[in-house]
Protein backbone atom coordinates (compact mmCIF):
# COMPACT_ATOMS: atom_id res chain seq x y z
CA MET A 1 -64.97 -2.84 27.57
CA SER A 2 -61.32 -3.22 26.65
CA ASP A 3 -58.34 -1.03 25.87
CA THR A 4 -57.71 -2.90 22.90
CA ARG A 5 -57.37 -1.04 19.61
CA ARG A 6 -60.32 -1.47 17.21
CA VAL A 7 -61.04 -1.12 13.43
CA GLY A 8 -63.88 -0.19 11.95
CA CYS A 9 -64.83 -0.59 8.65
CA VAL A 10 -68.06 0.89 6.66
CA PHE A 11 -69.92 -0.42 3.37
CA ARG A 12 -72.68 1.56 2.01
CA TYR A 13 -73.98 -0.02 -1.23
CA ILE A 14 -76.69 2.30 -3.41
CA ALA A 15 -78.19 2.21 -6.53
CA GLY A 16 -76.01 3.96 -9.23
CA ASP A 17 -78.90 6.27 -9.94
CA VAL A 18 -79.07 7.60 -6.14
CA TYR A 19 -76.83 10.76 -5.62
CA GLN A 20 -76.90 13.28 -3.09
CA THR A 21 -77.83 17.11 -3.45
CA ALA A 22 -76.26 18.69 -0.73
CA SER A 23 -73.05 18.87 -2.68
CA ASP A 24 -71.89 18.91 -6.71
CA ALA A 25 -68.86 16.69 -6.01
CA ASP A 26 -69.53 13.30 -4.66
CA SER A 27 -67.10 9.80 -5.36
CA ALA A 28 -67.76 6.16 -5.71
CA SER A 29 -66.19 3.02 -5.62
CA LEU A 30 -68.08 0.99 -8.64
CA ILE A 31 -68.75 -2.21 -7.39
CA ARG A 32 -71.22 -3.57 -10.18
CA GLY A 33 -72.25 -2.48 -13.25
CA ARG A 34 -72.01 0.74 -15.02
CA ASN A 35 -72.30 4.79 -13.84
CA ARG A 36 -74.57 5.87 -16.29
CA THR A 37 -75.77 8.89 -14.74
CA GLY A 38 -72.26 10.73 -13.98
CA LYS A 39 -72.91 11.80 -10.59
CA PHE A 40 -69.92 10.14 -9.20
CA GLU A 41 -66.11 10.72 -9.77
CA HIS A 42 -64.69 6.99 -9.63
CA GLU A 43 -62.11 6.59 -6.85
CA PRO A 44 -59.24 5.15 -7.99
CA MET A 45 -58.26 1.99 -6.60
CA PRO A 46 -54.70 2.20 -4.12
CA ARG A 47 -51.99 0.00 -5.78
CA THR A 48 -50.63 -0.76 -2.37
CA ASP A 49 -51.58 -0.24 1.43
CA LEU A 50 -51.14 3.37 2.36
CA ASP A 51 -50.64 4.52 -1.66
CA PRO A 52 -49.52 8.07 -1.81
CA ASP A 53 -51.65 8.99 -4.69
CA ALA A 54 -54.76 6.88 -2.96
CA LEU A 55 -54.06 9.17 -0.05
CA ALA A 56 -53.45 12.54 -1.85
CA TYR A 57 -57.14 11.80 -3.38
CA HIS A 58 -58.76 10.77 -0.19
CA ARG A 59 -57.96 13.90 1.47
CA PRO A 60 -59.88 16.55 -0.29
CA VAL A 61 -62.52 14.08 -0.87
CA ASN A 62 -62.71 13.32 2.77
CA GLU A 63 -62.98 17.07 3.43
CA ASP A 64 -65.96 17.66 0.78
CA ARG A 65 -67.95 14.82 2.28
CA GLN A 66 -67.09 16.19 6.02
CA ALA A 67 -68.53 19.51 4.62
CA VAL A 68 -71.83 18.02 4.14
CA TYR A 69 -72.22 15.53 6.57
CA PHE A 70 -71.36 18.53 9.59
CA ARG A 71 -73.29 21.29 8.19
């Protein structure tokens, strides 16, 4: 163990026809192919680090996900 700060990053790849059923709202970044089912809202790509528009989009999305994860 050290006192050095760490950064974590998680990538979850799923097929486009897989979706969650615990909430009507969900979003994703499309890596390949097309969103044929329309189950996911497309997450916008940030223009810069800490892009204010991306952060504003992320806040309610994160709250929705926490409501599903921690219910």
